[in-house]
């Protein structure tokens, strides 16, 4: 525990940043947090026909790697999804339709906007031709608060 800030778990400020009797001066609240800064998630929800899924899956792995090569795209997670919120997603059926979600962790709004302005059209059209066999929806999620147990 920081002896000058008794309520905080870490003390990473120089003495000049502390005021009279340990009161903080000119230090924004976000500096006290040990959690990372708020993040943006760029989410792509895919519905893929069962016959198309194996080929599309191979392409998607490479596409995710290409996205992570862009400035500001820091990580990605590929999920199997279910529309039923009461049960876990079933294992992929060899012939059944697949529902996948890919979430890209993006450093900040500027990096995401640069992607939209410079790369989005080209990369979204780069997918294999599957016509009605693949549907994609996209959205952006901004972290408002992090709760930890």
Protein backbone atom coordinates (compact mmCIF):
# COMPACT_ATOMS: atom_id res chain seq x y z
CA UNK A 1 0.00 0.00 0.00
CA UNK A 2 1.20 3.46 -0.76
CA UNK A 3 1.87 5.20 2.58
CA UNK A 4 0.89 8.60 1.19
CA UNK A 5 -2.34 7.48 -0.48
CA UNK A 6 -3.51 4.96 2.10
CA UNK A 7 -6.61 4.01 0.09
CA UNK A 8 -4.67 3.10 -3.06
CA UNK A 9 -2.78 -0.15 -3.58
CA UNK A 10 0.15 1.28 -5.52
CA UNK A 11 2.23 4.40 -5.22
CA UNK A 12 3.65 5.35 -8.60
CA UNK A 13 3.67 9.14 -8.40
CA UNK A 14 6.65 11.34 -7.60
CA UNK A 15 6.59 13.27 -4.33
CA UNK A 16 5.97 16.57 -6.13
CA UNK A 17 2.64 15.20 -7.40
CA UNK A 18 1.38 14.87 -3.85
CA UNK A 19 0.09 17.90 -2.06
CA UNK A 20 -0.15 18.85 1.55
CA UNK A 21 -0.52 15.80 3.86
CA UNK A 22 -0.64 13.39 0.93
CA UNK A 23 -3.63 14.89 -0.89
CA UNK A 24 -3.34 14.52 -4.63
CA UNK A 25 -3.02 17.54 -6.89
CA UNK A 26 -3.64 17.64 -10.64
CA UNK A 27 -3.77 13.84 -11.03
CA UNK A 28 -6.71 12.48 -13.03
CA UNK A 29 -8.62 9.55 -11.56
CA UNK A 30 -7.70 7.22 -14.42
CA UNK A 31 -4.06 7.31 -13.29
CA UNK A 32 -5.07 5.63 -10.04
CA UNK A 33 -6.53 2.62 -11.81
CA UNK A 34 -4.44 -0.50 -12.27
CA UNK A 35 -6.79 -1.70 -15.01
CA UNK A 36 -5.90 -1.08 -18.67
CA UNK A 37 -7.37 1.93 -20.49
CA UNK A 38 -10.82 1.44 -22.06
CA UNK A 39 -10.67 -0.63 -25.21
CA UNK A 40 -12.60 -0.84 -28.42
CA UNK A 41 -13.77 -4.09 -29.91
CA UNK A 42 -14.51 -4.39 -33.60
CA UNK A 43 -16.85 -7.34 -33.90
CA UNK A 44 -17.72 -9.34 -37.00
CA UNK A 45 -20.61 -11.81 -36.74
CA UNK A 46 -20.62 -14.47 -39.43
CA UNK A 47 -23.17 -17.04 -40.51
CA UNK A 48 -21.57 -19.62 -42.79
CA UNK A 49 -23.24 -22.42 -44.74
CA UNK A 50 -22.06 -25.89 -43.65
CA UNK A 51 -20.62 -26.84 -47.06
CA UNK A 52 -18.72 -23.56 -47.29
CA UNK A 53 -17.44 -23.55 -43.70
CA UNK A 54 -14.20 -25.59 -44.14
CA UNK A 55 -12.90 -23.39 -46.99
CA UNK A 56 -14.08 -20.20 -45.35
CA UNK A 57 -12.52 -21.22 -42.05
CA UNK A 58 -9.11 -21.59 -43.72
CA UNK A 59 -9.43 -18.18 -45.33
CA UNK A 60 -10.66 -16.60 -42.07
CA UNK A 61 -7.59 -17.73 -40.13
CA UNK A 62 -5.35 -15.95 -42.62
CA UNK A 63 -7.62 -12.92 -42.71
CA UNK A 64 -7.42 -12.56 -38.92
CA UNK A 65 -3.61 -12.66 -39.13
CA UNK A 66 -3.71 -9.96 -41.82
CA UNK A 67 -5.98 -7.78 -39.66
CA UNK A 68 -3.60 -8.13 -36.73
CA UNK A 69 -0.86 -6.75 -38.96
CA UNK A 70 -2.70 -3.42 -39.15
CA UNK A 71 -1.61 -0.63 -36.83
CA UNK A 72 -3.75 -0.61 -33.70
CA UNK A 73 -5.24 -4.09 -34.06
CA UNK A 74 -3.76 -5.78 -31.01
CA UNK A 75 -5.58 -9.10 -30.55
CA UNK A 76 -8.43 -11.18 -31.89
CA UNK A 77 -10.68 -13.90 -30.52
CA UNK A 78 -12.73 -16.24 -32.71
CA UNK A 79 -15.88 -17.59 -31.04
CA UNK A 80 -18.48 -20.17 -31.97
CA UNK A 81 -21.81 -18.53 -31.16
CA UNK A 82 -25.32 -19.60 -30.35
CA UNK A 83 -28.57 -17.67 -30.71
CA UNK A 84 -29.92 -19.48 -27.68
CA UNK A 85 -28.63 -17.64 -24.62
CA UNK A 86 -29.55 -20.53 -22.32
CA UNK A 87 -27.20 -23.19 -23.70
CA UNK A 88 -23.57 -23.44 -24.73
CA UNK A 89 -22.87 -23.53 -28.49
CA UNK A 90 -22.99 -27.06 -29.89
CA UNK A 91 -19.88 -28.47 -31.54
CA UNK A 92 -19.72 -27.72 -35.25
CA UNK A 93 -21.82 -30.10 -37.27
CA UNK A 94 -20.07 -31.34 -40.42
CA UNK A 95 -23.01 -30.24 -42.58
CA UNK A 96 -24.73 -27.64 -40.41
CA UNK A 97 -24.68 -23.90 -40.56
CA UNK A 98 -21.97 -22.21 -38.46
CA UNK A 99 -22.33 -19.02 -36.43
CA UNK A 100 -18.99 -17.41 -35.63
CA UNK A 101 -17.97 -14.14 -34.04
CA UNK A 102 -14.54 -12.57 -34.38
CA UNK A 103 -13.71 -9.77 -31.97
CA UNK A 104 -10.69 -7.60 -32.69
CA UNK A 105 -9.22 -5.59 -29.83
CA UNK A 106 -8.34 -2.16 -31.20
CA UNK A 107 -5.98 0.25 -29.46
CA UNK A 108 -8.07 3.42 -29.89
CA UNK A 109 -10.61 5.27 -32.03
CA UNK A 110 -7.93 6.70 -34.32
CA UNK A 111 -6.68 3.24 -35.24
CA UNK A 112 -10.22 2.01 -35.89
CA UNK A 113 -11.05 5.05 -38.02
CA UNK A 114 -7.83 4.56 -40.01
CA UNK A 115 -8.95 0.98 -40.69
CA UNK A 116 -12.38 2.18 -41.89
CA UNK A 117 -10.85 4.92 -44.06
CA UNK A 118 -7.92 3.02 -45.56
CA UNK A 119 -8.49 -0.74 -45.40
CA UNK A 120 -12.07 -1.80 -44.67
CA UNK A 121 -13.48 -1.89 -48.20
CA UNK A 122 -10.53 -3.79 -49.60
CA UNK A 123 -10.27 -6.33 -46.76
CA UNK A 124 -14.01 -6.96 -46.54
CA UNK A 125 -14.16 -7.67 -50.28
CA UNK A 126 -11.06 -9.88 -50.16
CA UNK A 127 -13.01 -12.87 -48.87
CA UNK A 128 -13.66 -15.83 -51.10
CA UNK A 129 -16.72 -15.65 -53.34
CA UNK A 130 -19.51 -17.47 -51.54
CA UNK A 131 -22.58 -15.47 -52.50
CA UNK A 132 -25.48 -16.30 -50.23
CA UNK A 133 -23.44 -18.88 -48.30
CA UNK A 134 -21.83 -16.31 -45.95
CA UNK A 135 -23.50 -13.40 -44.16
CA UNK A 136 -21.62 -10.84 -42.07
CA UNK A 137 -22.73 -8.17 -39.62
CA UNK A 138 -20.32 -5.77 -37.95
CA UNK A 139 -20.42 -3.56 -34.87
CA UNK A 140 -18.12 -1.62 -32.57
CA UNK A 141 -18.12 -2.07 -28.80
CA UNK A 142 -16.55 0.45 -26.46
CA UNK A 143 -15.65 -0.58 -22.94
CA UNK A 144 -17.42 1.63 -20.41
CA UNK A 145 -16.36 0.00 -17.16
CA UNK A 146 -14.37 -3.06 -16.13
CA UNK A 147 -15.71 -5.09 -13.21
CA UNK A 148 -13.43 -7.63 -11.60
CA UNK A 149 -14.19 -10.28 -9.00
